[in-house]
Amino acid sequence: MQIRIFERKQELGEAAAAQAAAAIGRAAAAQGRARILAATGASQFEFLAALTRRTDIDWQSVELFHLDEYIGITADHPASFQRYLLERLIRPTGISRCHLLDGSADPEEVRRRVGSEIRAAPIDCAFVGIGENGHLAFNDPPADYETDEPYLIVRLDEACRRQQVGEGWFRTVDDVPARAITISIRQLLESREIIAIVPDERKAHAVQACLEGPIRPEAPASILQTHPNTTVYLDTASAALLSRRPPIRA
């Protein structure tokens, strides 16, 4: 696992986008398409803005999956991750091959259908974040490290739901759906490359626990330590509690 630290989120986003563009380009050149897995949330704003500005990506070669979605909300809801991806990635780039998780449909059917599609071929590059409680996608602690199901139906814990309110997606904790569809940990780890974008001071404790602590379900994203091709992008605020910090990038 490689850790890269930047002074500002904008620089972090540009650097992560450059790595993502290179990964997409390699996959497209080798096999005619690039299968990517995209995260959502406030932590991804600068990264996705930088990624969609790039002119060196053949977006028609891209096939898109996403990490997770709330159960019981429609695609026009302000907090919908389908809406987020449509507005911040799909429409700006013209990606035409998308496998979105429909939170308003039968969750079991959605989980099985998209799970079958994601298993059809490896994911070339996954973009992820780390939650304030250490979650990876919506795998809250203690995460299930064993299931080989590609997507799961999970119940969101209190800390995760508070984070969604803190980021401004919902007015109160009671407004946050209690359940979600999420990619499983084992399915995520099958990605050929993982790029984790984790800025902001509010992530510092989770970053320390997951990057320097033991690998354990109580710190779900600690499992990234086992992946041979993961790069974690931090800013100085999210890296503040690390005891072994690499040099800050210009």
Protein backbone atom coordinates (compact mmCIF):
# COMPACT_ATOMS: atom_id res chain seq x y z
CA MET A 1 0.00 0.00 0.00
CA GLN A 2 1.35 3.40 -0.99
CA ILE A 3 0.42 6.61 0.85
CA ARG A 4 0.64 10.02 -0.83
CA ILE A 5 0.03 13.24 1.12
CA PHE A 6 -0.77 16.68 -0.31
CA GLU A 7 -1.20 20.11 1.24
CA ARG A 8 -4.53 20.83 -0.44
CA LYS A 9 -7.49 18.78 -1.60
CA GLN A 10 -7.30 20.21 -5.09
CA GLU A 11 -3.73 18.93 -5.53
CA LEU A 12 -4.75 15.59 -4.09
CA GLY A 13 -7.64 15.37 -6.54
CA GLU A 14 -5.46 16.20 -9.54
CA ALA A 15 -2.85 13.61 -8.61
CA ALA A 16 -5.41 10.88 -7.97
CA ALA A 17 -7.15 11.71 -11.25
CA ALA A 18 -3.84 11.38 -13.13
CA GLN A 19 -3.31 7.91 -11.66
CA ALA A 20 -6.92 6.95 -12.46
CA ALA A 21 -6.56 8.17 -16.05
CA ALA A 22 -3.41 6.09 -16.48
CA ALA A 23 -5.15 2.99 -15.12
CA ILE A 24 -8.11 3.49 -17.45
CA GLY A 25 -5.79 4.01 -20.38
CA ARG A 26 -3.79 0.83 -19.69
CA ALA A 27 -6.93 -1.27 -19.39
CA ALA A 28 -8.50 0.17 -22.52
CA ALA A 29 -5.31 -0.40 -24.52
CA ALA A 30 -4.95 -3.98 -23.30
CA GLN A 31 -8.54 -5.18 -23.60
CA GLY A 32 -10.59 -2.53 -25.37
CA ARG A 33 -12.45 -1.47 -22.23
CA ALA A 34 -11.84 -0.32 -18.66
CA ARG A 35 -14.13 -1.49 -15.89
CA ILE A 36 -14.16 0.98 -12.99
CA LEU A 37 -15.84 1.11 -9.60
CA ALA A 38 -16.66 4.59 -8.29
CA ALA A 39 -17.26 5.99 -4.82
CA THR A 40 -19.46 8.94 -3.92
CA GLY A 41 -19.66 11.40 -1.04
CA ALA A 42 -18.07 14.73 -0.21
CA SER A 43 -14.56 13.25 -0.11
CA GLN A 44 -14.68 12.58 -3.85
CA PHE A 45 -15.63 16.08 -5.05
CA GLU A 46 -12.17 17.36 -6.02
CA PHE A 47 -11.09 14.03 -7.47
CA LEU A 48 -14.12 13.62 -9.72
CA ALA A 49 -13.93 17.26 -10.83
CA ALA A 50 -10.30 16.73 -11.85
CA LEU A 51 -11.05 13.39 -13.49
CA THR A 52 -13.87 14.70 -15.64
CA ARG A 53 -11.75 17.65 -16.80
CA ARG A 54 -9.12 15.37 -18.30
CA THR A 55 -8.93 15.14 -22.07
CA ASP A 56 -6.81 11.99 -22.25
CA ILE A 57 -9.52 9.48 -21.31
CA ASP A 58 -11.61 7.57 -23.84
CA TRP A 59 -14.81 7.55 -21.83
CA GLN A 60 -16.58 5.34 -24.36
CA SER A 61 -14.22 2.55 -23.34
CA VAL A 62 -15.33 2.84 -19.70
CA GLU A 63 -17.82 0.52 -18.01
CA LEU A 64 -18.96 1.90 -14.64
CA PHE A 65 -20.11 0.25 -11.42
CA HIS A 66 -20.62 1.96 -8.08
CA LEU A 67 -19.99 1.03 -4.50
CA ASP A 68 -23.28 1.45 -2.71
CA GLU A 69 -26.74 2.98 -2.52
CA TYR A 70 -29.38 3.64 0.11
CA ILE A 71 -32.41 1.39 0.09
CA GLY A 72 -35.71 3.20 -0.26
CA ILE A 73 -34.75 6.40 -2.04
CA THR A 74 -35.27 7.27 -5.68
CA ALA A 75 -32.68 8.49 -8.16
CA ASP A 76 -33.98 12.07 -7.92
CA HIS A 77 -33.40 12.27 -4.15
CA PRO A 78 -30.66 14.81 -3.28
CA ALA A 79 -28.70 12.10 -1.42
CA SER A 80 -29.05 9.39 -4.06
CA PHE A 81 -25.70 8.01 -5.17
CA GLN A 82 -27.20 7.32 -8.59
CA ARG A 83 -27.95 11.02 -8.88
CA TYR A 84 -24.49 11.91 -7.60
CA LEU A 85 -22.78 9.80 -10.27
CA LEU A 86 -25.06 11.01 -13.03
CA GLU A 87 -24.35 14.63 -12.17
CA ARG A 88 -20.64 14.38 -11.33
CA LEU A 89 -19.32 11.61 -13.57
CA ILE A 90 -21.68 10.05 -16.12
CA ARG A 91 -23.21 13.11 -17.79
CA PRO A 92 -19.99 15.19 -17.82
CA THR A 93 -18.09 12.39 -19.56
CA GLY A 94 -20.76 10.62 -21.60
CA ILE A 95 -20.10 7.18 -20.12
CA SER A 96 -22.69 4.95 -21.75
CA ARG A 97 -22.14 1.60 -20.02
CA CYS A 98 -23.30 1.93 -16.42
CA HIS A 99 -24.51 -0.60 -13.85
CA LEU A 100 -26.22 1.52 -11.20
CA LEU A 101 -27.76 0.34 -7.96
CA ASP A 102 -31.43 1.35 -7.91
CA GLY A 103 -32.37 2.13 -4.32
CA SER A 104 -36.08 2.26 -5.15
CA ALA A 105 -36.24 -1.26 -6.65
CA ASP A 106 -36.32 -4.64 -4.91
CA PRO A 107 -32.93 -4.72 -3.16
CA GLU A 108 -32.47 -8.47 -3.48
CA GLU A 109 -33.07 -8.33 -7.21
CA VAL A 110 -30.71 -5.35 -7.61
CA ARG A 111 -28.03 -7.02 -5.50
CA ARG A 112 -28.18 -10.23 -7.53
CA ARG A 113 -28.35 -8.55 -10.94
CA VAL A 114 -25.51 -6.08 -10.47
CA GLY A 115 -23.52 -8.73 -8.62
CA SER A 116 -23.75 -11.00 -11.65
CA GLU A 117 -22.62 -8.16 -13.92
CA ILE A 118 -19.62 -7.20 -11.80
CA ARG A 119 -18.45 -10.81 -11.64
CA ALA A 120 -18.40 -11.09 -15.42
CA ALA A 121 -14.85 -9.67 -15.58
CA PRO A 122 -12.33 -8.07 -13.20
CA ILE A 123 -12.60 -4.45 -12.12
CA ASP A 124 -9.55 -2.65 -13.46
CA CYS A 125 -9.59 0.29 -11.05
CA ALA A 126 -11.71 1.03 -7.97
CA PHE A 127 -12.10 4.52 -6.51
CA VAL A 128 -12.97 4.41 -2.81
CA GLY A 129 -13.08 6.54 0.33
CA ILE A 130 -12.78 5.73 4.02
CA GLY A 131 -15.62 6.64 6.35
CA GLU A 132 -15.32 8.46 9.65
CA ASN A 133 -15.99 5.11 11.36
CA GLY A 134 -13.48 3.36 9.09
CA HIS A 135 -16.12 1.99 6.76
CA LEU A 136 -15.23 0.86 3.26
CA ALA A 137 -18.19 1.41 0.95
CA PHE A 138 -21.10 0.83 3.36
CA ASN A 139 -19.34 -2.00 5.18
CA ASP A 140 -19.59 -0.54 8.68
CA PRO A 141 -17.72 -2.08 11.63
CA PRO A 142 -17.56 -4.93 12.26
CA ALA A 143 -17.25 -5.61 8.53
CA ASP A 144 -17.81 -9.02 6.98
CA TYR A 145 -14.42 -10.03 5.56
CA GLU A 146 -15.54 -13.55 4.66
CA THR A 147 -18.62 -13.45 2.45
CA ASP A 148 -17.99 -13.99 -1.25
CA GLU A 149 -21.28 -12.40 -2.30
CA PRO A 150 -20.42 -9.45 -4.59
CA TYR A 151 -23.07 -7.11 -3.14
CA LEU A 152 -24.70 -7.18 0.29
CA ILE A 153 -27.72 -5.67 1.99
CA VAL A 154 -26.50 -4.04 5.20
CA ARG A 155 -27.82 -2.02 8.11
CA LEU A 156 -26.05 1.32 8.59
CA ASP A 157 -24.68 2.06 12.04
CA GLU A 158 -25.25 5.29 13.95
CA ALA A 159 -21.82 6.78 13.19
CA CYS A 160 -22.26 6.22 9.48
CA ARG A 161 -25.68 7.84 9.49
CA ARG A 162 -24.35 10.85 11.45
CA GLN A 163 -21.64 11.29 8.84
CA GLN A 164 -24.28 11.58 6.10
CA VAL A 165 -25.99 14.35 8.07
CA GLY A 166 -22.66 16.07 8.74
CA GLU A 167 -21.90 16.12 5.01
CA GLY A 168 -25.24 17.78 4.37
CA TRP A 169 -27.03 15.00 2.49
CA PHE A 170 -29.83 14.70 5.08
CA ARG A 171 -31.37 17.07 7.61
CA THR A 172 -31.48 14.66 10.58
CA VAL A 173 -30.22 11.17 11.43
CA ASP A 174 -33.79 9.92 11.32
CA ASP A 175 -33.95 10.97 7.66
CA VAL A 176 -31.02 8.72 6.72
CA PRO A 177 -32.19 5.31 5.46
CA ALA A 178 -31.37 2.48 7.84
CA ARG A 179 -30.33 0.03 5.11
CA ALA A 180 -28.20 0.07 1.98
CA ILE A 181 -26.83 -2.10 -0.80
CA THR A 182 -23.03 -2.23 -0.74
CA ILE A 183 -20.23 -3.98 -2.55
CA SER A 184 -18.64 -6.61 -0.32
CA ILE A 185 -15.11 -6.35 1.00
CA ARG A 186 -13.91 -9.45 -0.86
CA GLN A 187 -15.38 -8.27 -4.15
CA LEU A 188 -13.72 -4.87 -3.75
CA LEU A 189 -10.35 -6.50 -3.04
CA GLU A 190 -10.56 -8.36 -6.34
CA SER A 191 -10.04 -5.04 -8.14
CA ARG A 192 -6.72 -4.89 -9.97
CA GLU A 193 -5.98 -1.42 -8.63
CA ILE A 194 -7.53 0.61 -5.79
CA ILE A 195 -7.26 4.37 -5.42
CA ALA A 196 -8.47 5.65 -2.04
CA ILE A 197 -9.24 9.37 -1.82
CA VAL A 198 -9.46 10.42 1.85
CA PRO A 199 -9.15 14.15 2.62
CA ASP A 200 -10.31 16.23 5.63
CA GLU A 201 -9.53 16.40 9.35
CA ARG A 202 -12.69 14.50 10.27
CA LYS A 203 -11.13 11.38 8.70
CA ALA A 204 -7.86 11.56 10.66
CA HIS A 205 -8.77 9.05 13.39
CA ALA A 206 -10.09 6.54 10.84
CA VAL A 207 -7.00 7.00 8.67
CA GLN A 208 -4.71 6.30 11.62
CA ALA A 209 -6.70 3.25 12.72
CA CYS A 210 -6.99 1.78 9.24
CA LEU A 211 -3.51 2.51 7.87
CA GLU A 212 -1.37 2.01 10.98
CA GLY A 213 -3.48 -0.24 13.17
CA PRO A 214 -4.07 -3.98 12.94
CA ILE A 215 -6.20 -5.44 10.17
CA ARG A 216 -9.55 -6.11 11.80
CA PRO A 217 -13.27 -5.96 11.00
CA GLU A 218 -13.71 -3.18 13.57
CA ALA A 219 -11.63 -0.94 11.28
CA PRO A 220 -13.05 -2.12 7.95
CA ALA A 221 -10.72 -0.17 5.63
CA SER A 222 -7.67 -1.67 7.37
CA ILE A 223 -8.11 -4.55 4.93
CA LEU A 224 -6.64 -2.27 2.25
CA GLN A 225 -3.26 -3.02 3.81
CA THR A 226 -3.50 -6.49 2.25
CA HIS A 227 -4.13 -5.32 -1.31
CA PRO A 228 -0.96 -5.34 -3.46
CA ASN A 229 -1.88 -2.34 -5.62
CA THR A 230 -3.57 0.28 -3.43
CA THR A 231 -2.67 3.96 -3.28
CA VAL A 232 -4.16 6.14 -0.54
CA TYR A 233 -4.38 9.89 -1.19
CA LEU A 234 -4.47 12.08 1.93
CA ASP A 235 -4.24 15.77 2.68
CA THR A 236 -2.28 17.11 5.62
CA ALA A 237 -5.44 17.25 7.74
CA SER A 238 -6.46 13.61 7.24
CA ALA A 239 -2.83 12.48 7.69
CA ALA A 240 -2.28 14.50 10.86
CA LEU A 241 -2.33 11.55 13.27
CA LEU A 242 -0.08 9.20 11.31
CA SER A 243 3.17 8.39 13.08
CA ARG A 244 4.95 7.35 9.87
CA ARG A 245 4.16 10.04 7.33
CA PRO A 246 5.77 10.11 3.89
CA PRO A 247 6.93 13.48 2.54
CA ILE A 248 4.21 15.94 1.55
CA ARG A 249 3.88 16.22 -2.21
CA ALA A 250 4.09 19.56 -3.93
